[in-house]
Every structure is written in structure tokens, then in C-alpha cells.
């Protein structure tokens, strides 16, 4: 089947009359990727492309840029005046009652909410009902092919090696020279990415003590805390192979600079680790049993354990996010906190599970990646089971 036929089959399952794509100035990169539309030109005028549930797709393009959709099948209607645009949209949607667009009610899924409010008003003025394309986007954007799975696993092997090297680097530099800070470790990891054929859009996070309580803290050359004996260290690193269509691998590990972590650090780590493992088990059991599982349910599992331990107020973000060619992908998020994500977890998607507890003095997060295939879910790399102790000439998991 062609991609168009696949989309039409999905539209039938969703009970929709069609899917309307729209862009202006590359506001919707999802549209280009899902349609396989490659163009070096910037859409300075609006274009529309409608895939009906049956029959041939057709598009609406501006006369100044008539070739924007030439790579896609179906007839293209040209417009210039605003009145022609409105009439052209009516013509595209003739006979349709309920269509999908890159829209999310109340912006519940911001990764999908690409269409502006004015364009929604314009399309709705033709008499159609517009619903979210979030489930369709997950099917045609978030699912991985076999090559992407292979690249993810290879990226994971390389990132895991670099993560272990980073903790060894901290141990060696801390005890041999003493002049160590977050930025130096950050640069060490970035250099290792380059040497190992990995790419990342930003990061990594290297955070010490209270900085680890800021989930999206990132050091800089000008702002970086020193790393000393007795400090807590969090490293969050994400990267993908430096190759076309590669997908990310994203992990967070934590350690203590010394032989014996304080009891409170151990306690919090163990609570976070257990929340992570319970969420992973929830996914594994549901997928193996053939049942439906939605993103918010995974979040409830991890959050419920942390809340039961009396630390719920210190878990201030979702449990996990979709992973794709961008580190935060367009599939289902493990979220019933920042949003209520009701999207089903579907085969051949990947997401993080990364609960955290962020106290004023330090923050603990433990992150793994979960890949769902047909009837199976698995953690794709190494998982941290104990707090790392960073000592001279040794980096070990503290029992």
C-alpha cells in the first residue's frame, strides 16, 4: 500500500472523512514529514492538501507558488485572492463533515497543535467539524521502522559507554586535580559524542546538588557549579546517530562523590527507582496481555508510588515523553500531570520513563527508554539500580 492508502485506512478506522494538511512558513514540520514532502522552498503563501477517506487527494496552492505540492498526487487548484482561497477550501472539503487537522483541544498535546486559531476558524466556516489529528500523527510520525530501531539501539550502546566514562572522568579529575565543574563534564560528554558519531540538539544536563532540583538546568561556560567531595551529581544525556532519520536515546543517571551516600539520598533514589520500575512493569504487562494502555495510566502508576511515599509535591513533571527523530517526539506522552494524555500506546513507538523527586538540596531522576513492539515492551539500554558512588580510582553502584 502507498502512504496515501495507509492514511485512508486509518481515517476509516477513526471514523473521519479526511485529513487536511496546511502550512505557511514551515509552521508545521509534521505535515512535511508525514506527507514525505521534501522542498527547499519556503512556503511564503498558504497551501492546503486534503486526503479524503476515499478517492484521490487534492490540493490548494497560491499562484505565486504553484509548485509547492507538485511532489504529491492529485489535482492542485490555484488561488490568488482571499475570496478564491475561501472558495478553494470549500471545494477541497466538499462532502466532508468531520476532518482531522494538526489541532489539539485546549492545546493538550502541544506537539500536535500546529494550526493557528484563525485558520481553524476559516476551515470551520465551511461547515465541517475539525477534530485533533493526534492519533493519526502518532501512527504516521511516531512509529519507528526496523532501521530506526537498529539506530536507536546502537546509539544506546554508545551513550551508555559515554555515560560510564563521564562518571569515571569525574572520579579521576576530582581526585587527581580537584579543578572540576559542571561545564567541564558537559564539554567532556559533548566531545565524546563527536568522537563516537553521535549528534544532539542541545545538552547534556550536568547538575550538582541544588542544581539537580531544576529538571531542565543546563550549565554554561559562565555559569557552572564546582564538583567536590560530598556532592550529588545528576547527568541527563540524549543523543542519536549522526545519520538521516536517526532517533534519540535519552537517559538520566545520578551519583554521589564519596564512599557513603547520605541516607536521605539513598532513600529518595530508591523511591524514584521503584516508581520507574513499577511504570515499566505496567507497560510490559499491558502490552504482553494484549490490552490497551494510555499515556496517563503510566504516569498514574509512577506518580502514585511517589505520592504514597510522601513526596508527591516534589514530582513536578510528567513521567515520560515520546522519543523520535526529535528527543521530544509526537507520540503518546506518559502524562497525567502537565496534560491528560489519553492517546493509546501503540506498537513500534518509544518513550522515556523518568520519574523524579526534586528536594531543595538535591534532585533525583532515573530515566530509561521503553520500546513497544508487537506484544512486547522492553527497556532498550542499561538501567540504574543503585546510586553511583564516585571514589578515587573507582565508580561503583552503592548497595
Foldseek 3Di string as FASTA:
>chain_A
DDLLLVLLVVCVVVVFFKAKEKDAQPLDVLVCQLQVQDDPDGRNDMKMWIRGSDDWIEIEEEPVCQCRCVVGDDYYHYDHDPVVVLVVLLVRQPPGAEYEYLPDVVCLPVNSHRDDPVVVVSNCVSVHHYDYCLQVSCVRPFFDDPVQVVQALVQQVQLVVLVVVLLQVCLACCPVPNFAWQVVSFVSSVVSCVVVQKDAPDDKAKAKWQRQLVVPDHADPVGIGGDHAFIKIKIWDKITGNDPFHWMFIWMAIAHAADDHDPVVQVQQQLQQVLLVQLQVVVFVCLLVVHWDALQVSQCSSLVSCVVVVQNVQFQAGQKAWIGNHRHTSHGHNDPHSHRTGHTDDARTKMKGWTKGRDSGHIDITIFMWHHHRNGIDTSHDGQDAHWYRHNPDIHGDD
